[in-house]
């Protein structure tokens, strides 16, 4: 049986292959040549996930490969509904349809995560300034918000993965645990900081 660490590695490795095969409007992006940053960002996100959700998402990725579907391309395509609506109109027919149950689950997850992100902006403002703006209303063709990115990503999950993820977030919330803070802490530690406080202070001085 896979350990959680092994599951995360398998998930991120599959995502990386998909990410490299994303076809951008302006050609290959520089981030597609940066596996280190990609793996830090993605593995940090999955550190707070339970094994059951990771196993389900790994199944999603393997199933997508069998069907020759690039879930990362779908994720970025869905973001364009807000960031590049004219281009989205041209590709919408290529995306897998979302059923109403998934859409409802997505919005429930988005509400929880945005609450957590708002808390982080107050606690670690200098770290968060380096990241994405929070809300879809702040999207531009060149900047994608946390809200829009999250909706795009969640739209690629199966109903089973979405349900497991949502139940996990509800459990975290009931214990006053901010899962977004866990992700952020793993991220800054992978960049060499001992804590979020240390990272925030370092960003403040820059």
Protein backbone atom coordinates (compact mmCIF):
# COMPACT_ATOMS: atom_id res chain seq x y z
CA UNK A 1 0.00 0.00 0.00
CA UNK A 2 1.29 3.45 -0.92
CA UNK A 3 2.31 5.85 1.81
CA UNK A 4 0.89 9.38 1.65
CA UNK A 5 4.30 10.62 0.48
CA UNK A 6 4.31 8.11 -2.38
CA UNK A 7 0.77 9.08 -3.38
CA UNK A 8 1.72 12.75 -3.52
CA UNK A 9 4.78 11.96 -5.64
CA UNK A 10 2.71 9.88 -8.08
CA UNK A 11 0.05 12.59 -8.37
CA UNK A 12 2.57 15.38 -8.93
CA UNK A 13 4.57 13.34 -11.46
CA UNK A 14 1.43 12.70 -13.51
CA UNK A 15 0.41 16.35 -13.27
CA UNK A 16 3.88 17.46 -14.39
CA UNK A 17 3.65 15.41 -17.59
CA UNK A 18 0.22 16.90 -18.31
CA UNK A 19 1.49 20.39 -17.47
CA UNK A 20 4.33 20.09 -19.95
CA UNK A 21 1.85 19.13 -22.65
CA UNK A 22 -0.44 22.13 -22.14
CA UNK A 23 -0.62 24.15 -25.35
CA UNK A 24 -0.59 27.88 -24.56
CA UNK A 25 -1.87 30.61 -26.83
CA UNK A 26 1.60 32.21 -26.97
CA UNK A 27 3.62 28.99 -27.05
CA UNK A 28 5.39 27.15 -24.23
CA UNK A 29 5.56 29.14 -20.97
CA UNK A 30 8.73 29.45 -18.90
CA UNK A 31 7.03 27.77 -15.93
CA UNK A 32 6.66 24.64 -18.06
CA UNK A 33 10.46 24.35 -17.95
CA UNK A 34 10.65 24.67 -14.15
CA UNK A 35 9.89 21.29 -12.54
CA UNK A 36 11.32 22.31 -9.16
CA UNK A 37 8.84 25.16 -8.62
CA UNK A 38 5.96 23.11 -10.00
CA UNK A 39 6.67 20.22 -7.65
CA UNK A 40 7.04 22.48 -4.61
CA UNK A 41 3.76 24.25 -5.30
CA UNK A 42 1.75 21.14 -6.13
CA UNK A 43 3.15 18.84 -3.44
CA UNK A 44 2.57 21.54 -0.81
CA UNK A 45 -1.09 21.69 -1.80
CA UNK A 46 -1.55 17.96 -1.29
CA UNK A 47 0.20 17.76 2.09
CA UNK A 48 -3.05 18.52 3.92
CA UNK A 49 -5.10 16.00 1.92
CA UNK A 50 -6.14 12.65 3.44
CA UNK A 51 -5.00 9.47 1.71
CA UNK A 52 -8.51 8.60 0.49
CA UNK A 53 -8.80 11.87 -1.46
CA UNK A 54 -5.27 11.48 -2.86
CA UNK A 55 -6.04 7.93 -4.00
CA UNK A 56 -9.23 9.11 -5.66
CA UNK A 57 -7.48 11.98 -7.45
CA UNK A 58 -4.72 9.61 -8.58
CA UNK A 59 -7.47 7.45 -10.08
CA UNK A 60 -8.85 10.56 -11.83
CA UNK A 61 -5.45 11.29 -13.38
CA UNK A 62 -4.93 7.69 -14.51
CA UNK A 63 -8.43 7.53 -15.97
CA UNK A 64 -7.83 10.80 -17.82
CA UNK A 65 -4.61 9.37 -19.26
CA UNK A 66 -6.46 6.30 -20.46
CA UNK A 67 -8.97 8.56 -22.22
CA UNK A 68 -6.17 10.84 -23.50
CA UNK A 69 -7.61 13.82 -21.61
CA UNK A 70 -5.22 16.44 -20.21
CA UNK A 71 -6.77 17.59 -16.93
CA UNK A 72 -4.27 20.43 -16.57
CA UNK A 73 -5.23 21.78 -19.99
CA UNK A 74 -8.88 21.57 -18.91
CA UNK A 75 -8.11 23.43 -15.70
CA UNK A 76 -6.48 26.33 -17.54
CA UNK A 77 -9.17 26.28 -20.20
CA UNK A 78 -11.90 26.73 -17.60
CA UNK A 79 -10.06 29.66 -16.02
CA UNK A 80 -10.35 31.48 -19.34
CA UNK A 81 -14.09 31.86 -18.78
CA UNK A 82 -13.10 34.74 -16.50
CA UNK A 83 -9.63 35.75 -17.72
CA UNK A 84 -10.10 35.44 -21.50
CA UNK A 85 -13.83 35.04 -22.21
CA UNK A 86 -13.48 35.55 -25.97
CA UNK A 87 -11.02 32.65 -26.21
CA UNK A 88 -13.07 30.55 -23.79
CA UNK A 89 -16.05 30.81 -26.14
CA UNK A 90 -13.93 29.09 -28.82
CA UNK A 91 -12.84 26.17 -26.63
CA UNK A 92 -15.83 25.62 -24.34
CA UNK A 93 -17.18 22.82 -26.53
CA UNK A 94 -13.93 20.89 -26.01
CA UNK A 95 -14.29 20.75 -22.21
CA UNK A 96 -16.02 17.95 -20.35
CA UNK A 97 -19.51 19.01 -19.17
CA UNK A 98 -19.99 19.60 -15.44
CA UNK A 99 -23.06 18.16 -13.77
CA UNK A 100 -25.06 20.20 -11.26
CA UNK A 101 -23.93 18.15 -8.25
CA UNK A 102 -20.30 18.85 -9.02
CA UNK A 103 -21.02 22.53 -9.52
CA UNK A 104 -22.69 22.75 -6.10
CA UNK A 105 -19.77 20.97 -4.41
CA UNK A 106 -17.29 23.26 -6.16
CA UNK A 107 -19.01 26.38 -4.83
CA UNK A 108 -19.09 24.95 -1.30
CA UNK A 109 -15.35 24.27 -1.43
CA UNK A 110 -14.63 27.71 -2.89
CA UNK A 111 -16.48 29.42 -0.03
CA UNK A 112 -14.47 27.56 2.62
CA UNK A 113 -11.11 28.11 0.95
CA UNK A 114 -11.70 31.81 0.34
CA UNK A 115 -12.49 32.27 4.05
CA UNK A 116 -9.16 30.64 4.88
CA UNK A 117 -7.31 32.73 2.31
CA UNK A 118 -8.82 35.91 3.74
CA UNK A 119 -7.47 34.89 7.17
CA UNK A 120 -4.01 34.36 5.68
CA UNK A 121 -4.00 37.81 4.08
CA UNK A 122 -4.46 39.27 7.57
CA UNK A 123 -1.89 37.01 9.27
CA UNK A 124 0.84 36.95 6.60
CA UNK A 125 0.22 39.95 4.33
CA UNK A 126 3.72 40.13 2.88
CA UNK A 127 3.73 36.49 1.78
CA UNK A 128 0.27 36.78 0.27
CA UNK A 129 1.22 39.92 -1.65
CA UNK A 130 3.58 37.71 -3.66
CA UNK A 131 0.73 35.45 -4.73
CA UNK A 132 -2.49 35.71 -6.66
CA UNK A 133 -5.27 38.20 -5.88
CA UNK A 134 -8.14 36.49 -4.08
CA UNK A 135 -11.24 37.22 -6.11
CA UNK A 136 -12.49 36.54 -9.63
CA UNK A 137 -13.45 40.22 -9.89
CA UNK A 138 -9.70 40.99 -10.00
CA UNK A 139 -8.92 38.69 -12.94
CA UNK A 140 -7.21 40.06 -16.03
CA UNK A 141 -5.90 38.34 -19.18
CA UNK A 142 -2.52 38.25 -17.41
CA UNK A 143 -3.51 37.56 -13.78
CA UNK A 144 -5.66 34.72 -12.46
CA UNK A 145 -7.18 34.99 -8.98
CA UNK A 146 -7.21 32.30 -6.30
CA UNK A 147 -10.98 32.02 -6.74
CA UNK A 148 -10.81 31.46 -10.50
CA UNK A 149 -7.82 29.10 -10.28
CA UNK A 150 -9.61 27.07 -7.61
CA UNK A 151 -12.80 26.74 -9.63
CA UNK A 152 -10.78 25.67 -12.65
CA UNK A 153 -8.95 23.01 -10.69
CA UNK A 154 -11.98 21.66 -8.84
CA UNK A 155 -13.79 21.33 -12.16
CA UNK A 156 -11.30 18.62 -13.18
CA UNK A 157 -12.01 16.41 -10.14
CA UNK A 158 -14.39 13.48 -10.29
CA UNK A 159 -17.51 13.58 -8.11
CA UNK A 160 -15.88 11.09 -5.73
CA UNK A 161 -12.72 13.21 -5.35
CA UNK A 162 -14.75 16.38 -4.91
CA UNK A 163 -16.91 14.80 -2.23
CA UNK A 164 -13.91 13.42 -0.32
CA UNK A 165 -12.13 16.76 -0.58
CA UNK A 166 -15.17 18.69 0.61
CA UNK A 167 -15.74 16.33 3.57
CA UNK A 168 -12.08 16.75 4.54
CA UNK A 169 -12.35 20.54 4.43
CA UNK A 170 -15.50 20.46 6.54
CA UNK A 171 -13.69 18.33 9.09
CA UNK A 172 -10.74 20.73 9.15
CA UNK A 173 -13.07 23.70 9.52
CA UNK A 174 -14.93 22.03 12.42
CA UNK A 175 -11.58 21.77 14.23
CA UNK A 176 -10.64 25.40 13.44
CA UNK A 177 -7.82 24.18 11.19
CA UNK A 178 -6.97 26.35 8.19
CA UNK A 179 -5.91 23.91 5.46
CA UNK A 180 -4.67 26.78 3.29
CA UNK A 181 -2.27 27.71 6.08
CA UNK A 182 -0.95 24.14 6.15
CA UNK A 183 -0.29 24.36 2.41
CA UNK A 184 1.46 27.71 2.78
CA UNK A 185 3.61 26.49 5.65
CA UNK A 186 4.83 23.46 3.72
CA UNK A 187 5.59 25.74 0.79
CA UNK A 188 7.72 28.24 2.71
CA UNK A 189 9.57 25.43 4.48
CA UNK A 190 10.46 23.92 1.11
CA UNK A 191 11.94 27.29 0.21
CA UNK A 192 14.12 27.20 3.31
CA UNK A 193 12.17 29.21 5.89
CA UNK A 194 11.65 27.81 9.39
CA UNK A 195 8.14 29.20 9.76
CA UNK A 196 5.46 31.35 8.16
CA UNK A 197 6.36 34.16 10.56
CA UNK A 198 9.99 34.08 9.42
CA UNK A 199 8.96 34.02 5.75
CA UNK A 200 6.52 36.91 6.24
CA UNK A 201 9.20 39.00 7.96
CA UNK A 202 11.67 38.25 5.18
CA UNK A 203 9.15 39.32 2.53
CA UNK A 204 8.46 42.49 4.48
CA UNK A 205 12.13 43.50 4.27
CA UNK A 206 12.35 43.04 0.52
